[in-house]
């Protein structure tokens, strides 16, 4: 069943929630010019439609423990769906892989991996290279500083 496209009010709600998911329904309703009950109904509908996938806190993990964040470009020898599927299954079971995207271009996947140190990363890289997934090469980039961390998507084109 196809859902209707979000209207202007839905877009306002989504924009506000991207910036502050802890906003009270009352404050959200005021920001988008709705009654609290109408606002809550809209938010629930956006959740049901899958336009709001989750609510999360952006945790400063580096202030909790010593970590190294690796951005890894993973290339495959050949583009076989079975190998991608097996690789997907493997990385979904790895808590160190906190984000994974299959991409087009010079490599096949971009992974964000959180590890204790470079030795921990070498163990993970060896595991991925040595598996039966068809991984040919991994290029590692160590995160030095997040200049512009992710804070939400622009919801309208400019």
N, C-alpha and C. Protein backbone atom coordinates (compact mmCIF):
# COMPACT_ATOMS: atom_id res chain seq x y z
N UNK A 1 0.84 -1.19 0.00
CA UNK A 1 0.00 0.00 0.00
C UNK A 1 0.88 1.24 0.00
N UNK A 2 0.66 2.14 -0.95
CA UNK A 2 1.44 3.37 -1.05
C UNK A 2 0.92 4.40 -0.06
N UNK A 3 1.87 5.05 0.60
CA UNK A 3 1.50 6.11 1.54
C UNK A 3 1.59 7.45 0.85
N UNK A 4 0.78 8.38 1.32
CA UNK A 4 0.84 9.72 0.73
C UNK A 4 2.15 10.40 1.12
N UNK A 5 2.59 11.29 0.28
CA UNK A 5 3.82 12.03 0.54
C UNK A 5 3.62 12.93 1.76
N UNK A 6 4.68 13.15 2.53
CA UNK A 6 4.53 14.04 3.68
C UNK A 6 4.18 15.46 3.23
N UNK A 7 3.27 16.09 3.94
CA UNK A 7 2.92 17.47 3.61
C UNK A 7 3.84 18.43 4.36
N UNK A 8 3.59 19.72 4.21
CA UNK A 8 4.43 20.76 4.81
C UNK A 8 4.51 20.62 6.33
N UNK A 9 3.41 20.30 6.97
CA UNK A 9 3.40 20.14 8.43
C UNK A 9 4.21 18.92 8.85
N UNK A 10 4.06 17.82 8.13
CA UNK A 10 4.87 16.64 8.40
C UNK A 10 6.35 16.97 8.29
N UNK A 11 6.70 17.72 7.26
CA UNK A 11 8.11 18.08 7.05
C UNK A 11 8.63 18.94 8.20
N UNK A 12 7.80 19.85 8.70
CA UNK A 12 8.21 20.67 9.85
C UNK A 12 8.44 19.79 11.07
N UNK A 13 7.53 18.85 11.29
CA UNK A 13 7.67 17.93 12.43
C UNK A 13 8.96 17.14 12.31
N UNK A 14 9.21 16.58 11.14
CA UNK A 14 10.42 15.79 10.93
C UNK A 14 11.67 16.63 11.14
N UNK A 15 11.66 17.85 10.65
CA UNK A 15 12.81 18.74 10.80
C UNK A 15 13.08 19.04 12.27
N UNK A 16 12.05 19.37 13.01
CA UNK A 16 12.23 19.68 14.44
C UNK A 16 12.72 18.45 15.19
N UNK A 17 12.13 17.29 14.91
CA UNK A 17 12.53 16.07 15.62
C UNK A 17 13.97 15.65 15.28
N UNK A 18 14.43 15.93 14.07
CA UNK A 18 15.83 15.64 13.75
C UNK A 18 16.77 16.46 14.62
N UNK A 19 16.38 17.69 14.92
CA UNK A 19 17.24 18.56 15.71
C UNK A 19 17.12 18.29 17.21
N UNK A 20 15.93 17.86 17.66
CA UNK A 20 15.72 17.62 19.08
C UNK A 20 14.64 16.56 19.27
N UNK A 21 15.04 15.31 19.32
CA UNK A 21 14.09 14.21 19.46
C UNK A 21 13.48 14.15 20.86
N UNK A 22 14.05 14.89 21.80
CA UNK A 22 13.53 14.89 23.18
C UNK A 22 12.52 16.01 23.42
N UNK A 23 12.21 16.78 22.41
CA UNK A 23 11.25 17.86 22.57
C UNK A 23 9.91 17.29 23.05
N UNK A 24 9.27 18.00 23.92
CA UNK A 24 7.96 17.51 24.38
C UNK A 24 6.94 17.67 23.27
N UNK A 25 5.90 16.88 23.33
CA UNK A 25 4.84 16.99 22.33
C UNK A 25 4.23 18.39 22.36
N UNK A 26 4.06 18.95 23.55
CA UNK A 26 3.51 20.30 23.70
C UNK A 26 4.38 21.31 22.95
N UNK A 27 5.69 21.27 23.18
CA UNK A 27 6.60 22.21 22.52
C UNK A 27 6.64 21.98 21.01
N UNK A 28 6.62 20.72 20.61
CA UNK A 28 6.61 20.41 19.18
C UNK A 28 5.34 20.95 18.53
N UNK A 29 4.21 20.74 19.19
CA UNK A 29 2.94 21.23 18.66
C UNK A 29 2.98 22.75 18.48
N UNK A 30 3.56 23.45 19.45
CA UNK A 30 3.66 24.92 19.34
C UNK A 30 4.55 25.31 18.17
N UNK A 31 5.68 24.59 17.99
CA UNK A 31 6.62 24.91 16.91
C UNK A 31 6.01 24.70 15.53
N UNK A 32 5.08 23.75 15.39
CA UNK A 32 4.52 23.45 14.08
C UNK A 32 3.07 23.91 13.94
N UNK A 33 2.60 24.66 14.92
CA UNK A 33 1.26 25.27 14.90
C UNK A 33 0.14 24.24 14.79
N UNK A 34 0.17 23.25 15.70
CA UNK A 34 -0.89 22.25 15.80
C UNK A 34 -1.31 22.13 17.25
N UNK A 35 -2.48 21.55 17.46
CA UNK A 35 -2.86 21.20 18.82
C UNK A 35 -2.01 20.01 19.25
N UNK A 36 -1.79 19.82 20.56
CA UNK A 36 -0.98 18.68 21.00
C UNK A 36 -1.54 17.34 20.53
N UNK A 37 -2.85 17.15 20.54
CA UNK A 37 -3.40 15.85 20.11
C UNK A 37 -3.20 15.63 18.61
N UNK A 38 -3.37 16.66 17.80
CA UNK A 38 -3.15 16.54 16.36
C UNK A 38 -1.67 16.29 16.06
N UNK A 39 -0.80 16.95 16.82
CA UNK A 39 0.64 16.77 16.63
C UNK A 39 1.05 15.34 16.97
N UNK A 40 0.56 14.83 18.10
CA UNK A 40 0.90 13.46 18.49
C UNK A 40 0.38 12.46 17.46
N UNK A 41 -0.81 12.69 16.95
CA UNK A 41 -1.36 11.80 15.91
C UNK A 41 -0.47 11.81 14.67
N UNK A 42 0.02 12.98 14.30
CA UNK A 42 0.91 13.09 13.14
C UNK A 42 2.22 12.36 13.37
N UNK A 43 2.80 12.54 14.55
CA UNK A 43 4.07 11.86 14.87
C UNK A 43 3.87 10.35 14.82
N UNK A 44 2.80 9.85 15.41
CA UNK A 44 2.52 8.41 15.39
C UNK A 44 2.34 7.91 13.96
N UNK A 45 1.67 8.70 13.13
CA UNK A 45 1.48 8.31 11.72
C UNK A 45 2.83 8.29 10.99
N UNK A 46 3.70 9.24 11.27
CA UNK A 46 5.02 9.27 10.64
C UNK A 46 5.84 8.05 11.07
N UNK A 47 5.70 7.64 12.32
CA UNK A 47 6.38 6.44 12.80
C UNK A 47 5.83 5.20 12.10
N UNK A 48 4.51 5.10 12.03
CA UNK A 48 3.86 3.95 11.39
C UNK A 48 4.26 3.84 9.92
N UNK A 49 4.36 4.96 9.25
CA UNK A 49 4.73 4.98 7.83
C UNK A 49 6.22 4.73 7.61
N UNK A 50 6.99 4.67 8.68
CA UNK A 50 8.43 4.42 8.55
C UNK A 50 9.25 5.64 8.22
N UNK A 51 8.65 6.82 8.29
CA UNK A 51 9.41 8.04 8.02
C UNK A 51 10.26 8.43 9.22
N UNK A 52 9.85 8.02 10.41
CA UNK A 52 10.68 8.14 11.61
C UNK A 52 11.07 6.72 11.97
N UNK A 53 12.35 6.42 11.85
CA UNK A 53 12.82 5.06 12.08
C UNK A 53 13.19 4.79 13.53
N UNK A 54 13.73 5.79 14.21
CA UNK A 54 14.20 5.59 15.58
C UNK A 54 14.49 6.94 16.23
N UNK A 55 14.66 6.89 17.53
CA UNK A 55 15.10 8.05 18.30
C UNK A 55 16.37 7.63 19.02
N UNK A 56 17.44 8.44 18.90
CA UNK A 56 18.72 8.07 19.49
C UNK A 56 19.40 9.27 20.14
N UNK A 57 20.28 8.95 21.07
CA UNK A 57 21.16 9.96 21.65
C UNK A 57 22.50 9.87 20.92
N UNK A 58 23.10 11.00 20.64
CA UNK A 58 24.43 11.03 20.03
C UNK A 58 25.43 11.02 21.19
N UNK A 59 25.96 9.85 21.51
CA UNK A 59 26.83 9.65 22.67
C UNK A 59 28.28 9.98 22.31
N UNK A 60 28.96 10.69 23.18
CA UNK A 60 30.39 11.00 23.00
C UNK A 60 31.20 9.83 23.53
N UNK A 61 31.28 8.76 22.75
CA UNK A 61 31.93 7.53 23.19
C UNK A 61 33.40 7.77 23.56
N UNK A 62 34.05 8.71 22.90
CA UNK A 62 35.46 9.00 23.20
C UNK A 62 35.65 9.62 24.58
N UNK A 63 34.57 10.10 25.19
CA UNK A 63 34.65 10.63 26.56
C UNK A 63 34.33 9.55 27.59
N UNK A 64 33.92 8.37 27.11
CA UNK A 64 33.61 7.25 27.98
C UNK A 64 34.78 6.28 28.05
N UNK A 65 35.38 6.02 26.87
CA UNK A 65 36.51 5.10 26.81
C UNK A 65 37.41 5.48 25.65
N UNK A 66 38.61 4.98 25.66
CA UNK A 66 39.56 5.24 24.59
C UNK A 66 39.14 4.43 23.36
N UNK A 67 38.93 5.10 22.24
CA UNK A 67 38.50 4.44 21.01
C UNK A 67 39.26 4.99 19.81
N UNK A 68 39.28 4.17 18.79
CA UNK A 68 39.76 4.59 17.48
C UNK A 68 38.63 4.30 16.51
N UNK A 69 38.31 5.27 15.68
CA UNK A 69 37.26 5.08 14.68
C UNK A 69 37.92 4.98 13.31
N UNK A 70 37.58 3.89 12.63
CA UNK A 70 38.15 3.62 11.32
C UNK A 70 37.05 3.73 10.27
N UNK A 71 37.34 4.45 9.21
CA UNK A 71 36.48 4.47 8.03
C UNK A 71 37.18 3.57 7.02
N UNK A 72 36.54 2.47 6.68
CA UNK A 72 37.18 1.46 5.84
C UNK A 72 36.47 1.34 4.50
N UNK A 73 37.25 1.44 3.44
CA UNK A 73 36.75 1.21 2.09
C UNK A 73 37.04 -0.25 1.75
N UNK A 74 36.00 -1.00 1.45
CA UNK A 74 36.14 -2.43 1.18
C UNK A 74 35.83 -2.69 -0.29
N UNK A 75 36.76 -3.36 -0.96
CA UNK A 75 36.58 -3.71 -2.38
C UNK A 75 36.54 -5.23 -2.52
N UNK A 76 35.69 -5.69 -3.43
CA UNK A 76 35.54 -7.12 -3.70
C UNK A 76 36.22 -7.47 -5.01
N UNK A 77 36.67 -8.73 -5.10
CA UNK A 77 37.31 -9.22 -6.33
C UNK A 77 36.32 -9.21 -7.48
N UNK A 78 35.12 -9.69 -7.21
CA UNK A 78 34.06 -9.70 -8.22
C UNK A 78 32.75 -9.32 -7.55
N UNK A 79 31.83 -8.88 -8.33
CA UNK A 79 30.55 -8.43 -7.79
C UNK A 79 29.52 -9.55 -7.90
N UNK A 80 29.56 -10.44 -6.92
CA UNK A 80 28.64 -11.57 -6.87
C UNK A 80 27.69 -11.35 -5.70
N UNK A 81 26.41 -11.41 -5.98
CA UNK A 81 25.40 -11.16 -4.96
C UNK A 81 25.57 -12.07 -3.74
N UNK A 82 25.96 -13.33 -3.97
CA UNK A 82 26.13 -14.27 -2.85
C UNK A 82 27.23 -13.79 -1.91
N UNK A 83 28.32 -13.26 -2.47
CA UNK A 83 29.42 -12.78 -1.63
C UNK A 83 29.00 -11.54 -0.85
N UNK A 84 28.28 -10.64 -1.49
CA UNK A 84 27.77 -9.46 -0.78
C UNK A 84 26.86 -9.89 0.36
N UNK A 85 25.99 -10.84 0.09
CA UNK A 85 25.05 -11.32 1.10
C UNK A 85 25.78 -11.94 2.28
N UNK A 86 26.78 -12.76 2.03
CA UNK A 86 27.56 -13.36 3.11
C UNK A 86 28.32 -12.30 3.90
N UNK A 87 28.88 -11.33 3.19
CA UNK A 87 29.60 -10.23 3.86
C UNK A 87 28.63 -9.43 4.73
N UNK A 88 27.44 -9.15 4.20
CA UNK A 88 26.42 -8.43 4.98
C UNK A 88 26.12 -9.19 6.27
N UNK A 89 25.90 -10.49 6.16
CA UNK A 89 25.60 -11.30 7.35
C UNK A 89 26.72 -11.21 8.38
N UNK A 90 27.96 -11.25 7.89
CA UNK A 90 29.11 -11.21 8.79
C UNK A 90 29.20 -9.88 9.52
N UNK A 91 29.11 -8.79 8.78
CA UNK A 91 29.29 -7.49 9.44
C UNK A 91 28.10 -7.13 10.33
N UNK A 92 26.92 -7.67 10.03
CA UNK A 92 25.77 -7.43 10.90
C UNK A 92 25.97 -8.06 12.28
N UNK A 93 26.81 -9.08 12.37
CA UNK A 93 27.09 -9.75 13.64
C UNK A 93 28.27 -9.13 14.38
N UNK A 94 28.91 -8.13 13.80
CA UNK A 94 30.10 -7.54 14.41
C UNK A 94 29.73 -6.23 15.11
N UNK A 95 29.77 -6.19 16.43
CA UNK A 95 29.41 -4.96 17.13
C UNK A 95 30.37 -3.80 16.84
N UNK A 96 31.58 -4.10 16.42
CA UNK A 96 32.54 -3.04 16.10
C UNK A 96 32.14 -2.26 14.86
N UNK A 97 31.44 -2.92 13.94
CA UNK A 97 30.98 -2.23 12.72
C UNK A 97 29.68 -1.52 13.09
N UNK A 98 29.77 -0.20 13.24
CA UNK A 98 28.61 0.57 13.69
C UNK A 98 27.82 1.18 12.54
N UNK A 99 28.41 1.16 11.35
CA UNK A 99 27.70 1.66 10.17
C UNK A 99 28.31 1.00 8.94
N UNK A 100 27.46 0.63 8.00
CA UNK A 100 27.95 0.00 6.78
C UNK A 100 27.05 0.41 5.62
N UNK A 101 27.67 0.82 4.54
CA UNK A 101 26.93 1.21 3.34
C UNK A 101 27.55 0.52 2.13
N UNK A 102 26.71 -0.08 1.31
CA UNK A 102 27.16 -0.58 0.02
C UNK A 102 27.06 0.61 -0.93
N UNK A 103 28.16 0.89 -1.63
CA UNK A 103 28.23 2.10 -2.44
C UNK A 103 28.68 1.78 -3.86
N UNK A 104 28.52 2.73 -4.75
CA UNK A 104 29.05 2.60 -6.10
C UNK A 104 30.36 3.37 -6.17
N UNK A 105 31.16 3.05 -7.16
CA UNK A 105 32.41 3.78 -7.33
C UNK A 105 33.62 2.89 -7.22
N UNK A 106 34.70 3.44 -6.70
CA UNK A 106 35.99 2.76 -6.65
C UNK A 106 36.04 1.61 -5.64
N UNK A 107 35.12 1.57 -4.71
CA UNK A 107 35.05 0.48 -3.74
C UNK A 107 33.59 0.09 -3.56
N UNK A 108 33.35 -1.00 -2.84
CA UNK A 108 32.00 -1.56 -2.76
C UNK A 108 31.27 -1.26 -1.46
N UNK A 109 32.00 -1.11 -0.37
CA UNK A 109 31.40 -0.80 0.93
C UNK A 109 32.20 0.30 1.61
N UNK A 110 31.51 1.08 2.41
CA UNK A 110 32.15 2.02 3.32
C UNK A 110 31.68 1.64 4.71
N UNK A 111 32.63 1.31 5.58
CA UNK A 111 32.31 0.90 6.94
C UNK A 111 32.82 1.93 7.93
N UNK A 112 32.06 2.13 9.00
CA UNK A 112 32.53 2.90 10.16
C UNK A 112 32.68 1.86 11.26
N UNK A 113 33.91 1.75 11.75
CA UNK A 113 34.24 0.70 12.71
C UNK A 113 34.85 1.35 13.94
N UNK A 114 34.40 0.95 15.12
CA UNK A 114 34.96 1.46 16.37
C UNK A 114 35.78 0.36 17.02
N UNK A 115 37.03 0.66 17.29
CA UNK A 115 37.95 -0.33 17.86
C UNK A 115 38.72 0.29 19.03
N UNK A 116 39.39 -0.57 19.79
CA UNK A 116 40.18 -0.10 20.93
C UNK A 116 41.46 0.59 20.48
N UNK A 117 42.09 0.02 19.46
CA UNK A 117 43.36 0.57 18.98
C UNK A 117 43.65 -0.02 17.60
N UNK A 118 44.80 0.32 17.03
CA UNK A 118 45.15 -0.13 15.69
C UNK A 118 45.32 -1.66 15.64
N UNK A 119 45.75 -2.26 16.73
CA UNK A 119 45.91 -3.72 16.75
C UNK A 119 44.55 -4.42 16.65
N UNK A 120 43.57 -3.88 17.34
CA UNK A 120 42.21 -4.40 17.26
C UNK A 120 41.71 -4.28 15.82
N UNK A 121 41.98 -3.15 15.17
CA UNK A 121 41.57 -2.96 13.78
C UNK A 121 42.26 -3.99 12.87
N UNK A 122 43.54 -4.24 13.07
CA UNK A 122 44.24 -5.21 12.24
C UNK A 122 43.60 -6.59 12.35
N UNK A 123 43.17 -6.97 13.55
CA UNK A 123 42.50 -8.27 13.73
C UNK A 123 41.20 -8.33 12.94
N UNK A 124 40.43 -7.25 12.98
CA UNK A 124 39.16 -7.20 12.25
C UNK A 124 39.40 -7.21 10.74
N UNK A 125 40.36 -6.43 10.29
CA UNK A 125 40.67 -6.38 8.86
C UNK A 125 41.11 -7.75 8.36
N UNK A 126 41.94 -8.43 9.14
CA UNK A 126 42.38 -9.78 8.75
C UNK A 126 41.20 -10.74 8.67
N UNK A 127 40.28 -10.63 9.63
CA UNK A 127 39.09 -11.47 9.63
C UNK A 127 38.27 -11.25 8.37
N UNK A 128 38.08 -9.98 7.99
CA UNK A 128 37.29 -9.67 6.80
C UNK A 128 38.01 -10.08 5.51
N UNK A 129 39.30 -9.87 5.47
CA UNK A 129 40.08 -10.26 4.28
C UNK A 129 40.20 -11.77 4.16
N UNK A 130 40.26 -12.46 5.27
CA UNK A 130 40.46 -13.90 5.27
C UNK A 130 39.19 -14.71 5.16
N UNK A 131 38.05 -14.04 5.23
CA UNK A 131 36.78 -14.76 5.14
C UNK A 131 36.48 -15.20 3.72
N UNK A 132 35.43 -15.94 3.56
CA UNK A 132 35.03 -16.44 2.25
C UNK A 132 34.05 -15.48 1.57
N UNK A 133 34.34 -14.20 1.66
CA UNK A 133 33.40 -13.19 1.16
C UNK A 133 33.83 -12.63 -0.19
N UNK A 134 35.07 -12.85 -0.59
CA UNK A 134 35.56 -12.28 -1.83
C UNK A 134 36.15 -10.90 -1.66
N UNK A 135 36.47 -10.51 -0.43
CA UNK A 135 37.07 -9.19 -0.20
C UNK A 135 38.48 -9.20 -0.79
N UNK A 136 38.74 -8.21 -1.63
CA UNK A 136 40.05 -8.10 -2.27
C UNK A 136 40.96 -7.14 -1.53
N UNK A 137 40.38 -6.03 -1.06
CA UNK A 137 41.22 -4.97 -0.50
C UNK A 137 40.42 -4.15 0.50
N UNK A 138 41.10 -3.72 1.55
CA UNK A 138 40.52 -2.79 2.51
C UNK A 138 41.47 -1.60 2.65
N UNK A 139 40.96 -0.41 2.43
CA UNK A 139 41.72 0.82 2.63
C UNK A 139 41.19 1.46 3.90
N UNK A 140 42.09 1.69 4.85
CA UNK A 140 41.70 2.19 6.16
C UNK A 140 42.01 3.68 6.30
N UNK A 141 41.06 4.39 6.87
CA UNK A 141 41.24 5.81 7.19
C UNK A 141 40.90 5.96 8.68
N UNK A 142 41.81 6.53 9.44
CA UNK A 142 41.58 6.71 10.87
C UNK A 142 41.03 8.10 11.12
N UNK A 143 39.89 8.15 11.77
CA UNK A 143 39.21 9.42 12.03
C UNK A 143 40.06 10.26 12.98
N UNK A 144 40.39 11.45 12.56
CA UNK A 144 41.18 12.36 13.38
C UNK A 144 40.27 13.33 14.14
N UNK A 145 39.25 13.86 13.43
CA UNK A 145 38.35 14.81 14.06
C UNK A 145 37.07 14.88 13.23
N UNK A 146 35.93 14.89 13.90
CA UNK A 146 34.67 15.07 13.20
C UNK A 146 34.43 16.57 13.05
N UNK A 147 34.65 17.06 11.85
CA UNK A 147 34.50 18.49 11.59
C UNK A 147 33.02 18.87 11.56
N UNK A 148 32.20 18.04 10.94
CA UNK A 148 30.77 18.29 10.86
C UNK A 148 30.05 16.96 11.08
N UNK A 149 29.78 16.63 12.33
CA UNK A 149 29.08 15.35 12.58
C UNK A 149 27.66 15.40 12.04
N UNK A 150 27.15 14.21 11.76
CA UNK A 150 25.79 14.08 11.22
C UNK A 150 24.78 14.62 12.23
N UNK A 151 23.92 15.51 11.77
CA UNK A 151 22.88 16.07 12.64
C UNK A 151 21.50 15.96 12.03
N UNK A 152 21.39 15.33 10.89
CA UNK A 152 20.10 15.18 10.22
C UNK A 152 20.21 15.52 8.75
N UNK A 153 19.21 15.10 8.02
CA UNK A 153 19.17 15.33 6.59
C UNK A 153 18.44 16.63 6.26
N UNK A 154 18.88 17.35 5.23
CA UNK A 154 18.04 18.43 4.72
C UNK A 154 16.79 17.80 4.09
N UNK A 155 15.63 18.20 4.49
CA UNK A 155 14.41 17.54 4.05
C UNK A 155 13.81 18.15 2.80
N UNK A 156 14.27 19.31 2.43
CA UNK A 156 13.82 19.92 1.18
C UNK A 156 15.04 20.26 0.34
N UNK A 157 14.87 20.22 -0.97
CA UNK A 157 16.00 20.58 -1.83
C UNK A 157 16.07 22.09 -1.95
N UNK A 158 17.27 22.58 -2.08
CA UNK A 158 17.46 24.04 -2.15
C UNK A 158 17.55 24.52 -3.57
